[in-house]
Amino acid sequence: METVEELPQRELIVLRDIHVSGGSTNHAVVRQLIRDGMIVDGECLELTADGRRMLVRGSPSLWDTAA
């Protein structure tokens, strides 16, 4: 897997959903994240160490700054 510096917001949202609920309805992004080694598909979807690292790195872009 090549090093990814930053993920698009839609991929970060799917990583967040998987972290919170163990699943996502965005199957195309899920397949891409599995290929990229960010998640693994078992009984439920789980973040890999790389997936957790990218979620933490990209989490500021998910914060609601409107408040």
C-alpha atoms as a PDB file:
ATOM      1  CA  MET A   1       0.000   0.000   0.000  1.00  0.00           C
ATOM      2  CA  GLU A   2       1.301   3.439  -0.844  1.00  0.00           C
ATOM      3  CA  THR A   3       1.447   6.147   1.798  1.00  0.00           C
ATOM      4  CA  VAL A   4      -1.610   8.374   1.796  1.00  0.00           C
ATOM      5  CA  GLU A   5      -1.169  11.858   3.203  1.00  0.00           C
ATOM      6  CA  GLU A   6      -4.831  12.858   3.330  1.00  0.00           C
ATOM      7  CA  LEU A   7      -8.146  11.178   2.627  1.00  0.00           C
ATOM      8  CA  PRO A   8     -11.128  12.824   0.942  1.00  0.00           C
ATOM      9  CA  GLN A   9     -13.894  13.823   3.351  1.00  0.00           C
ATOM     10  CA  ARG A  10     -16.282  11.127   2.075  1.00  0.00           C
ATOM     11  CA  GLU A  11     -13.730   8.449   3.002  1.00  0.00           C
ATOM     12  CA  LEU A  12     -13.171  10.029   6.415  1.00  0.00           C
ATOM     13  CA  ILE A  13     -16.925  10.004   7.024  1.00  0.00           C
ATOM     14  CA  VAL A  14     -17.069   6.287   6.183  1.00  0.00           C
ATOM     15  CA  LEU A  15     -14.117   5.601   8.516  1.00  0.00           C
ATOM     16  CA  ARG A  16     -15.922   7.514  11.280  1.00  0.00           C
ATOM     17  CA  ASP A  17     -19.152   5.577  10.652  1.00  0.00           C
ATOM     18  CA  ILE A  18     -17.299   2.265  10.793  1.00  0.00           C
ATOM     19  CA  HIS A  19     -15.495   3.305  13.974  1.00  0.00           C
ATOM     20  CA  VAL A  20     -18.798   4.246  15.632  1.00  0.00           C
ATOM     21  CA  SER A  21     -21.171   1.576  14.314  1.00  0.00           C
ATOM     22  CA  GLY A  22     -19.089  -1.137  12.643  1.00  0.00           C
ATOM     23  CA  GLY A  23     -20.711  -0.511   9.278  1.00  0.00           C
ATOM     24  CA  SER A  24     -21.509   1.909   6.488  1.00  0.00           C
ATOM     25  CA  THR A  25     -24.067   2.180   3.714  1.00  0.00           C
ATOM     26  CA  ASN A  26     -21.482   3.543   1.248  1.00  0.00           C
ATOM     27  CA  HIS A  27     -20.395   0.212  -0.217  1.00  0.00           C
ATOM     28  CA  ALA A  28     -18.193   1.678  -2.964  1.00  0.00           C
ATOM     29  CA  VAL A  29     -16.048   3.588  -0.456  1.00  0.00           C
ATOM     30  CA  VAL A  30     -15.979   0.570   1.873  1.00  0.00           C
ATOM     31  CA  ARG A  31     -14.557  -1.597  -0.935  1.00  0.00           C
ATOM     32  CA  GLN A  32     -11.938   1.063  -1.693  1.00  0.00           C
ATOM     33  CA  LEU A  33     -10.936   1.348   1.981  1.00  0.00           C
ATOM     34  CA  ILE A  34     -10.602  -2.447   2.208  1.00  0.00           C
ATOM     35  CA  ARG A  35      -8.319  -2.426  -0.873  1.00  0.00           C
ATOM     36  CA  ASP A  36      -6.297   0.423   0.678  1.00  0.00           C
ATOM     37  CA  GLY A  37      -5.863  -1.509   3.939  1.00  0.00           C
ATOM     38  CA  MET A  38      -7.789   1.026   6.046  1.00  0.00           C
ATOM     39  CA  ILE A  39     -10.473  -1.445   7.160  1.00  0.00           C
ATOM     40  CA  VAL A  40     -10.955  -5.204   7.374  1.00  0.00           C
ATOM     41  CA  ASP A  41     -14.181  -7.076   6.772  1.00  0.00           C
ATOM     42  CA  GLY A  42     -14.984  -9.653   9.416  1.00  0.00           C
ATOM     43  CA  GLU A  43     -18.144 -10.096  11.464  1.00  0.00           C
ATOM     44  CA  CYS A  44     -18.343  -6.333  11.263  1.00  0.00           C
ATOM     45  CA  LEU A  45     -16.103  -3.782   9.586  1.00  0.00           C
ATOM     46  CA  GLU A  46     -13.108  -2.722  11.682  1.00  0.00           C
ATOM     47  CA  LEU A  47     -10.465  -0.047  11.246  1.00  0.00           C
ATOM     48  CA  THR A  48      -6.885  -1.171  10.853  1.00  0.00           C
ATOM     49  CA  ALA A  49      -4.035   0.742  12.501  1.00  0.00           C
ATOM     50  CA  ASP A  50      -3.675   2.707   9.245  1.00  0.00           C
ATOM     51  CA  GLY A  51      -7.406   3.444   9.197  1.00  0.00           C
ATOM     52  CA  ARG A  52      -7.345   4.724  12.793  1.00  0.00           C
ATOM     53  CA  ARG A  53      -4.295   6.856  12.029  1.00  0.00           C
ATOM     54  CA  MET A  54      -5.965   8.418   8.985  1.00  0.00           C
ATOM     55  CA  LEU A  55      -9.186   9.044  10.925  1.00  0.00           C
ATOM     56  CA  VAL A  56      -7.285  10.844  13.680  1.00  0.00           C
ATOM     57  CA  ARG A  57      -5.256  12.811  11.142  1.00  0.00           C
ATOM     58  CA  GLY A  58      -8.344  13.869   9.182  1.00  0.00           C
ATOM     59  CA  SER A  59     -10.741  14.327  12.108  1.00  0.00           C
ATOM     60  CA  PRO A  60     -10.433  18.150  12.292  1.00  0.00           C
ATOM     61  CA  SER A  61     -12.068  18.361   8.865  1.00  0.00           C
ATOM     62  CA  LEU A  62     -15.105  16.512  10.305  1.00  0.00           C
ATOM     63  CA  TRP A  63     -15.624  18.892  13.225  1.00  0.00           C
ATOM     64  CA  ASP A  64     -18.704  21.086  13.045  1.00  0.00           C
ATOM     65  CA  THR A  65     -17.320  24.617  13.153  1.00  0.00           C
ATOM     66  CA  ALA A  66     -20.760  26.243  12.823  1.00  0.00           C
ATOM     67  CA  ALA A  67     -21.409  26.116  16.571  1.00  0.00           C
END
